[in-house]
Amino acid sequence: MENAEIVIYHDTQNTNLQLEVRVEDETVWLTQAQMVDLFGRERSVITKHINNIFKENELAEKSNVHFLHTAIF
């Protein structure tokens, strides 16, 4: 993860939203939860759009997704 940095995005227009995102080699990396906050949409909508991006081969899923184990309580 060379050339990686953390950038804080701060929206002063409407919501005072603040996101801490990783920037690596001129690419901004966000979690789905951060995209939900940024775009003001439900997670299912974000997931649908991400899946369409992979389905249409706009991006390769393997190099753009990091799977994490989520414990359900």
PDB file of N, CA and C in Angstrom:
ATOM      1  N   MET A   1       0.827  -1.180   0.000  1.00  0.00           N
ATOM      2  CA  MET A   1       0.000   0.000   0.000  1.00  0.00           C
ATOM      3  C   MET A   1       0.872   1.243   0.000  1.00  0.00           C
ATOM      4  N   GLU A   2       1.841   1.279  -0.853  1.00  0.00           N
ATOM      5  CA  GLU A   2       2.681   2.457  -0.964  1.00  0.00           C
ATOM      6  C   GLU A   2       1.891   3.574  -1.619  1.00  0.00           C
ATOM      7  N   ASN A   3       2.297   4.795  -1.369  1.00  0.00           N
ATOM      8  CA  ASN A   3       1.644   5.983  -1.916  1.00  0.00           C
ATOM      9  C   ASN A   3       0.200   6.122  -1.467  1.00  0.00           C
ATOM     10  N   ALA A   4      -0.158   5.563  -0.320  1.00  0.00           N
ATOM     11  CA  ALA A   4      -1.520   5.676   0.192  1.00  0.00           C
ATOM     12  C   ALA A   4      -1.572   6.786   1.235  1.00  0.00           C
ATOM     13  N   GLU A   5      -2.679   7.478   1.248  1.00  0.00           N
ATOM     14  CA  GLU A   5      -2.886   8.508   2.243  1.00  0.00           C
ATOM     15  C   GLU A   5      -4.353   8.537   2.616  1.00  0.00           C
ATOM     16  N   ILE A   6      -4.662   9.135   3.747  1.00  0.00           N
ATOM     17  CA  ILE A   6      -6.041   9.293   4.191  1.00  0.00           C
ATOM     18  C   ILE A   6      -6.423  10.753   3.964  1.00  0.00           C
ATOM     19  N   VAL A   7      -7.558  10.944   3.338  1.00  0.00           N
ATOM     20  CA  VAL A   7      -8.048  12.290   3.050  1.00  0.00           C
ATOM     21  C   VAL A   7      -9.405  12.443   3.704  1.00  0.00           C
ATOM     22  N   ILE A   8      -9.651  13.576   4.280  1.00  0.00           N
ATOM     23  CA  ILE A   8     -10.952  13.838   4.878  1.00  0.00           C
ATOM     24  C   ILE A   8     -11.747  14.729   3.934  1.00  0.00           C
ATOM     25  N   TYR A   9     -12.870  14.197   3.476  1.00  0.00           N
ATOM     26  CA  TYR A   9     -13.787  14.941   2.616  1.00  0.00           C
ATOM     27  C   TYR A   9     -14.815  15.613   3.513  1.00  0.00           C
ATOM     28  N   HIS A  10     -15.011  16.892   3.324  1.00  0.00           N
ATOM     29  CA  HIS A  10     -15.956  17.633   4.144  1.00  0.00           C
ATOM     30  C   HIS A  10     -16.892  18.414   3.235  1.00  0.00           C
ATOM     31  N   ASP A  11     -18.187  18.096   3.314  1.00  0.00           N
ATOM     32  CA  ASP A  11     -19.206  18.768   2.506  1.00  0.00           C
ATOM     33  C   ASP A  11     -19.777  19.932   3.300  1.00  0.00           C
ATOM     34  N   THR A  12     -19.577  21.120   2.805  1.00  0.00           N
ATOM     35  CA  THR A  12     -20.125  22.292   3.482  1.00  0.00           C
ATOM     36  C   THR A  12     -21.394  22.795   2.798  1.00  0.00           C
ATOM     37  N   GLN A  13     -21.783  22.166   1.707  1.00  0.00           N
ATOM     38  CA  GLN A  13     -22.942  22.625   0.947  1.00  0.00           C
ATOM     39  C   GLN A  13     -24.265  22.387   1.672  1.00  0.00           C
ATOM     40  N   ASN A  14     -24.539  21.130   2.035  1.00  0.00           N
ATOM     41  CA  ASN A  14     -25.867  20.812   2.547  1.00  0.00           C
ATOM     42  C   ASN A  14     -25.864  20.099   3.892  1.00  0.00           C
ATOM     43  N   THR A  15     -25.058  19.084   4.013  1.00  0.00           N
ATOM     44  CA  THR A  15     -25.215  18.179   5.149  1.00  0.00           C
ATOM     45  C   THR A  15     -24.080  18.219   6.154  1.00  0.00           C
ATOM     46  N   ASN A  16     -23.037  18.954   5.858  1.00  0.00           N
ATOM     47  CA  ASN A  16     -21.835  18.935   6.693  1.00  0.00           C
ATOM     48  C   ASN A  16     -21.290  17.522   6.843  1.00  0.00           C
ATOM     49  N   LEU A  17     -21.459  16.722   5.807  1.00  0.00           N
ATOM     50  CA  LEU A  17     -20.951  15.356   5.770  1.00  0.00           C
ATOM     51  C   LEU A  17     -19.432  15.378   5.804  1.00  0.00           C
ATOM     52  N   GLN A  18     -18.870  14.488   6.582  1.00  0.00           N
ATOM     53  CA  GLN A  18     -17.419  14.344   6.633  1.00  0.00           C
ATOM     54  C   GLN A  18     -17.075  12.873   6.502  1.00  0.00           C
ATOM     55  N   LEU A  19     -16.236  12.538   5.509  1.00  0.00           N
ATOM     56  CA  LEU A  19     -15.807  11.165   5.277  1.00  0.00           C
ATOM     57  C   LEU A  19     -14.293  11.100   5.293  1.00  0.00           C
ATOM     58  N   GLU A  20     -13.761  10.076   5.909  1.00  0.00           N
ATOM     59  CA  GLU A  20     -12.329   9.821   5.891  1.00  0.00           C
ATOM     60  C   GLU A  20     -12.101   8.691   4.889  1.00  0.00           C
ATOM     61  N   VAL A  21     -11.457   9.003   3.768  1.00  0.00           N
ATOM     62  CA  VAL A  21     -11.285   8.017   2.698  1.00  0.00           C
ATOM     63  C   VAL A  21      -9.803   7.805   2.410  1.00  0.00           C
ATOM     64  N   ARG A  22      -9.513   6.651   1.825  1.00  0.00           N
ATOM     65  CA  ARG A  22      -8.134   6.314   1.463  1.00  0.00           C
ATOM     66  C   ARG A  22      -7.918   6.672   0.002  1.00  0.00           C
ATOM     67  N   VAL A  23      -6.803   7.304  -0.278  1.00  0.00           N
ATOM     68  CA  VAL A  23      -6.412   7.635  -1.642  1.00  0.00           C
ATOM     69  C   VAL A  23      -5.108   6.896  -1.923  1.00  0.00           C
ATOM     70  N   GLU A  24      -5.115   6.108  -3.006  1.00  0.00           N
ATOM     71  CA  GLU A  24      -3.934   5.331  -3.366  1.00  0.00           C
ATOM     72  C   GLU A  24      -3.744   5.410  -4.878  1.00  0.00           C
ATOM     73  N   ASP A  25      -2.595   5.884  -5.305  1.00  0.00           N
ATOM     74  CA  ASP A  25      -2.290   5.999  -6.734  1.00  0.00           C
ATOM     75  C   ASP A  25      -3.406   6.706  -7.503  1.00  0.00           C
ATOM     76  N   GLU A  26      -3.829   7.837  -7.011  1.00  0.00           N
ATOM     77  CA  GLU A  26      -4.851   8.685  -7.632  1.00  0.00           C
ATOM     78  C   GLU A  26      -6.235   8.038  -7.686  1.00  0.00           C
ATOM     79  N   THR A  27      -6.464   7.022  -6.851  1.00  0.00           N
ATOM     80  CA  THR A  27      -7.768   6.372  -6.764  1.00  0.00           C
ATOM     81  C   THR A  27      -8.309   6.572  -5.357  1.00  0.00           C
ATOM     82  N   VAL A  28      -9.574   6.976  -5.258  1.00  0.00           N
ATOM     83  CA  VAL A  28     -10.234   7.147  -3.973  1.00  0.00           C
ATOM     84  C   VAL A  28     -10.996   5.862  -3.653  1.00  0.00           C
ATOM     85  N   TRP A  29     -10.769   5.319  -2.460  1.00  0.00           N
ATOM     86  CA  TRP A  29     -11.407   4.073  -2.039  1.00  0.00           C
ATOM     87  C   TRP A  29     -12.420   4.376  -0.947  1.00  0.00           C
ATOM     88  N   LEU A  30     -13.670   3.951  -1.165  1.00  0.00           N
ATOM     89  CA  LEU A  30     -14.727   4.128  -0.177  1.00  0.00           C
ATOM     90  C   LEU A  30     -15.383   2.783   0.115  1.00  0.00           C
ATOM     91  N   THR A  31     -15.880   2.643   1.319  1.00  0.00           N
ATOM     92  CA  THR A  31     -16.688   1.483   1.658  1.00  0.00           C
ATOM     93  C   THR A  31     -18.108   1.732   1.166  1.00  0.00           C
ATOM     94  N   GLN A  32     -18.915   0.665   1.122  1.00  0.00           N
ATOM     95  CA  GLN A  32     -20.311   0.861   0.741  1.00  0.00           C
ATOM     96  C   GLN A  32     -21.005   1.789   1.729  1.00  0.00           C
ATOM     97  N   ALA A  33     -20.687   1.672   3.001  1.00  0.00           N
ATOM     98  CA  ALA A  33     -21.295   2.539   4.018  1.00  0.00           C
ATOM     99  C   ALA A  33     -20.953   4.009   3.750  1.00  0.00           C
ATOM    100  N   GLN A  34     -19.721   4.277   3.319  1.00  0.00           N
ATOM    101  CA  GLN A  34     -19.338   5.649   2.993  1.00  0.00           C
ATOM    102  C   GLN A  34     -20.089   6.142   1.756  1.00  0.00           C
ATOM    103  N   MET A  35     -20.295   5.254   0.782  1.00  0.00           N
ATOM    104  CA  MET A  35     -21.056   5.639  -0.410  1.00  0.00           C
ATOM    105  C   MET A  35     -22.507   5.925  -0.065  1.00  0.00           C
ATOM    106  N   VAL A  36     -23.070   5.159   0.874  1.00  0.00           N
ATOM    107  CA  VAL A  36     -24.436   5.410   1.347  1.00  0.00           C
ATOM    108  C   VAL A  36     -24.517   6.822   1.913  1.00  0.00           C
ATOM    109  N   ASP A  37     -23.565   7.182   2.756  1.00  0.00           N
ATOM    110  CA  ASP A  37     -23.542   8.526   3.347  1.00  0.00           C
ATOM    111  C   ASP A  37     -23.324   9.599   2.291  1.00  0.00           C
ATOM    112  N   LEU A  38     -22.391   9.376   1.393  1.00  0.00           N
ATOM    113  CA  LEU A  38     -22.043  10.376   0.392  1.00  0.00           C
ATOM    114  C   LEU A  38     -23.195  10.659  -0.565  1.00  0.00           C
ATOM    115  N   PHE A  39     -23.843   9.598  -1.057  1.00  0.00           N
ATOM    116  CA  PHE A  39     -24.888   9.766  -2.056  1.00  0.00           C
ATOM    117  C   PHE A  39     -26.296   9.808  -1.470  1.00  0.00           C
ATOM    118  N   GLY A  40     -26.428   9.539  -0.174  1.00  0.00           N
ATOM    119  CA  GLY A  40     -27.736   9.602   0.463  1.00  0.00           C
ATOM    120  C   GLY A  40     -28.714   8.566  -0.067  1.00  0.00           C
ATOM    121  N   ARG A  41     -28.225   7.375  -0.355  1.00  0.00           N
ATOM    122  CA  ARG A  41     -29.066   6.289  -0.874  1.00  0.00           C
ATOM    123  C   ARG A  41     -28.939   5.077   0.044  1.00  0.00           C
ATOM    124  N   GLU A  42     -29.874   4.143  -0.063  1.00  0.00           N
ATOM    125  CA  GLU A  42     -29.816   2.930   0.734  1.00  0.00           C
ATOM    126  C   GLU A  42     -28.716   2.009   0.210  1.00  0.00           C
ATOM    127  N   ARG A  43     -28.227   1.144   1.097  1.00  0.00           N
ATOM    128  CA  ARG A  43     -27.140   0.236   0.734  1.00  0.00           C
ATOM    129  C   ARG A  43     -27.513  -0.647  -0.446  1.00  0.00           C
ATOM    130  N   SER A  44     -28.774  -1.071  -0.530  1.00  0.00           N
ATOM    131  CA  SER A  44     -29.208  -1.938  -1.635  1.00  0.00           C
ATOM    132  C   SER A  44     -29.066  -1.234  -2.985  1.00  0.00           C
ATOM    133  N   VAL A  45     -29.277   0.069  -3.005  1.00  0.00           N
ATOM    134  CA  VAL A  45     -29.125   0.845  -4.249  1.00  0.00           C
ATOM    135  C   VAL A  45     -27.659   0.909  -4.647  1.00  0.00           C
ATOM    136  N   ILE A  46     -26.790   1.155  -3.671  1.00  0.00           N
ATOM    137  CA  ILE A  46     -25.350   1.203  -3.934  1.00  0.00           C
ATOM    138  C   ILE A  46     -24.878  -0.156  -4.443  1.00  0.00           C
ATOM    139  N   THR A  47     -25.316  -1.229  -3.793  1.00  0.00           N
ATOM    140  CA  THR A  47     -24.940  -2.584  -4.194  1.00  0.00           C
ATOM    141  C   THR A  47     -25.386  -2.871  -5.617  1.00  0.00           C
ATOM    142  N   LYS A  48     -26.591  -2.471  -5.957  1.00  0.00           N
ATOM    143  CA  LYS A  48     -27.119  -2.677  -7.315  1.00  0.00           C
ATOM    144  C   LYS A  48     -26.234  -1.995  -8.351  1.00  0.00           C
ATOM    145  N   HIS A  49     -25.861  -0.754  -8.089  1.00  0.00           N
ATOM    146  CA  HIS A  49     -25.026  -0.019  -9.039  1.00  0.00           C
ATOM    147  C   HIS A  49     -23.620  -0.622  -9.148  1.00  0.00           C
ATOM    148  N   ILE A  50     -23.061  -1.029  -8.033  1.00  0.00           N
ATOM    149  CA  ILE A  50     -21.740  -1.658  -8.060  1.00  0.00           C
ATOM    150  C   ILE A  50     -21.789  -2.951  -8.861  1.00  0.00           C
ATOM    151  N   ASN A  51     -22.818  -3.762  -8.617  1.00  0.00           N
ATOM    152  CA  ASN A  51     -22.964  -5.013  -9.371  1.00  0.00           C
ATOM    153  C   ASN A  51     -23.116  -4.753 -10.864  1.00  0.00           C
ATOM    154  N   ASN A  52     -23.832  -3.706 -11.241  1.00  0.00           N
ATOM    155  CA  ASN A  52     -23.976  -3.360 -12.663  1.00  0.00           C
ATOM    156  C   ASN A  52     -22.644  -2.942 -13.278  1.00  0.00           C
ATOM    157  N   ILE A  53     -21.829  -2.245 -12.520  1.00  0.00           N
ATOM    158  CA  ILE A  53     -20.500  -1.842 -12.998  1.00  0.00           C
ATOM    159  C   ILE A  53     -19.662  -3.071 -13.326  1.00  0.00           C
ATOM    160  N   PHE A  54     -19.717  -4.085 -12.451  1.00  0.00           N
ATOM    161  CA  PHE A  54     -18.963  -5.318 -12.691  1.00  0.00           C
ATOM    162  C   PHE A  54     -19.580  -6.132 -13.828  1.00  0.00           C
ATOM    163  N   LYS A  55     -20.908  -6.182 -13.871  1.00  0.00           N
ATOM    164  CA  LYS A  55     -21.606  -6.941 -14.905  1.00  0.00           C
ATOM    165  C   LYS A  55     -21.296  -6.396 -16.299  1.00  0.00           C
ATOM    166  N   GLU A  56     -21.190  -5.088 -16.415  1.00  0.00           N
ATOM    167  CA  GLU A  56     -20.920  -4.448 -17.701  1.00  0.00           C
ATOM    168  C   GLU A  56     -19.426  -4.287 -17.971  1.00  0.00           C
ATOM    169  N   ASN A  57     -18.605  -4.888 -17.112  1.00  0.00           N
ATOM    170  CA  ASN A  57     -17.146  -4.882 -17.258  1.00  0.00           C
ATOM    171  C   ASN A  57     -16.524  -3.491 -17.296  1.00  0.00           C
ATOM    172  N   GLU A  58     -17.158  -2.549 -16.600  1.00  0.00           N
ATOM    173  CA  GLU A  58     -16.554  -1.224 -16.481  1.00  0.00           C
ATOM    174  C   GLU A  58     -15.329  -1.286 -15.576  1.00  0.00           C
ATOM    175  N   LEU A  59     -15.383  -2.163 -14.572  1.00  0.00           N
ATOM    176  CA  LEU A  59     -14.275  -2.409 -13.661  1.00  0.00           C
ATOM    177  C   LEU A  59     -14.202  -3.892 -13.373  1.00  0.00           C
ATOM    178  N   ALA A  60     -13.006  -4.360 -13.048  1.00  0.00           N
ATOM    179  CA  ALA A  60     -12.827  -5.757 -12.672  1.00  0.00           C
ATOM    180  C   ALA A  60     -13.137  -5.916 -11.183  1.00  0.00           C
ATOM    181  N   GLU A  61     -14.051  -6.823 -10.881  1.00  0.00           N
ATOM    182  CA  GLU A  61     -14.474  -7.009  -9.490  1.00  0.00           C
ATOM    183  C   GLU A  61     -13.317  -7.431  -8.592  1.00  0.00           C
ATOM    184  N   LYS A  62     -12.490  -8.342  -9.062  1.00  0.00           N
ATOM    185  CA  LYS A  62     -11.422  -8.893  -8.223  1.00  0.00           C
ATOM    186  C   LYS A  62     -10.457  -7.817  -7.720  1.00  0.00           C
ATOM    187  N   SER A  63     -10.160  -6.836  -8.540  1.00  0.00           N
ATOM    188  CA  SER A  63      -9.190  -5.814  -8.126  1.00  0.00           C
ATOM    189  C   SER A  63      -9.841  -4.596  -7.470  1.00  0.00           C
ATOM    190  N   ASN A  64     -11.160  -4.618  -7.333  1.00  0.00           N
ATOM    191  CA  ASN A  64     -11.848  -3.454  -6.782  1.00  0.00           C
ATOM    192  C   ASN A  64     -12.736  -3.738  -5.584  1.00  0.00           C
ATOM    193  N   VAL A  65     -12.724  -4.959  -5.105  1.00  0.00           N
ATOM    194  CA  VAL A  65     -13.565  -5.319  -3.971  1.00  0.00           C
ATOM    195  C   VAL A  65     -12.719  -6.036  -2.943  1.00  0.00           C
ATOM    196  N   HIS A  66     -12.937  -5.671  -1.701  1.00  0.00           N
ATOM    197  CA  HIS A  66     -12.268  -6.352  -0.601  1.00  0.00           C
ATOM    198  C   HIS A  66     -13.354  -6.933   0.291  1.00  0.00           C
ATOM    199  N   PHE A  67     -13.385  -8.240   0.402  1.00  0.00           N
ATOM    200  CA  PHE A  67     -14.416  -8.898   1.195  1.00  0.00           C
ATOM    201  C   PHE A  67     -13.951  -9.008   2.639  1.00  0.00           C
ATOM    202  N   LEU A  68     -14.802  -8.588   3.547  1.00  0.00           N
ATOM    203  CA  LEU A  68     -14.527  -8.686   4.970  1.00  0.00           C
ATOM    204  C   LEU A  68     -15.597  -9.536   5.619  1.00  0.00           C
ATOM    205  N   HIS A  69     -15.204 -10.278   6.630  1.00  0.00           N
ATOM    206  CA  HIS A  69     -16.177 -11.058   7.387  1.00  0.00           C
ATOM    207  C   HIS A  69     -16.959 -10.105   8.279  1.00  0.00           C
ATOM    208  N   THR A  70     -18.279 -10.197   8.241  1.00  0.00           N
ATOM    209  CA  THR A  70     -19.121  -9.381   9.094  1.00  0.00           C
ATOM    210  C   THR A  70     -19.865 -10.288  10.050  1.00  0.00           C
ATOM    211  N   ALA A  71     -19.639 -10.099  11.316  1.00  0.00           N
ATOM    212  CA  ALA A  71     -20.330 -10.910  12.322  1.00  0.00           C
ATOM    213  C   ALA A  71     -21.742 -10.378  12.489  1.00  0.00           C
ATOM    214  N   ILE A  72     -22.704 -11.295  12.548  1.00  0.00           N
ATOM    215  CA  ILE A  72     -24.094 -10.912  12.747  1.00  0.00           C
ATOM    216  C   ILE A  72     -24.498 -11.331  14.150  1.00  0.00           C
ATOM    217  N   PHE A  73     -24.990 -10.394  14.904  1.00  0.00           N
ATOM    218  CA  PHE A  73     -25.381 -10.659  16.288  1.00  0.00           C
ATOM    219  C   PHE A  73     -26.884 -10.725  16.416  1.00  0.00           C
TER     220      PHE A  73
END
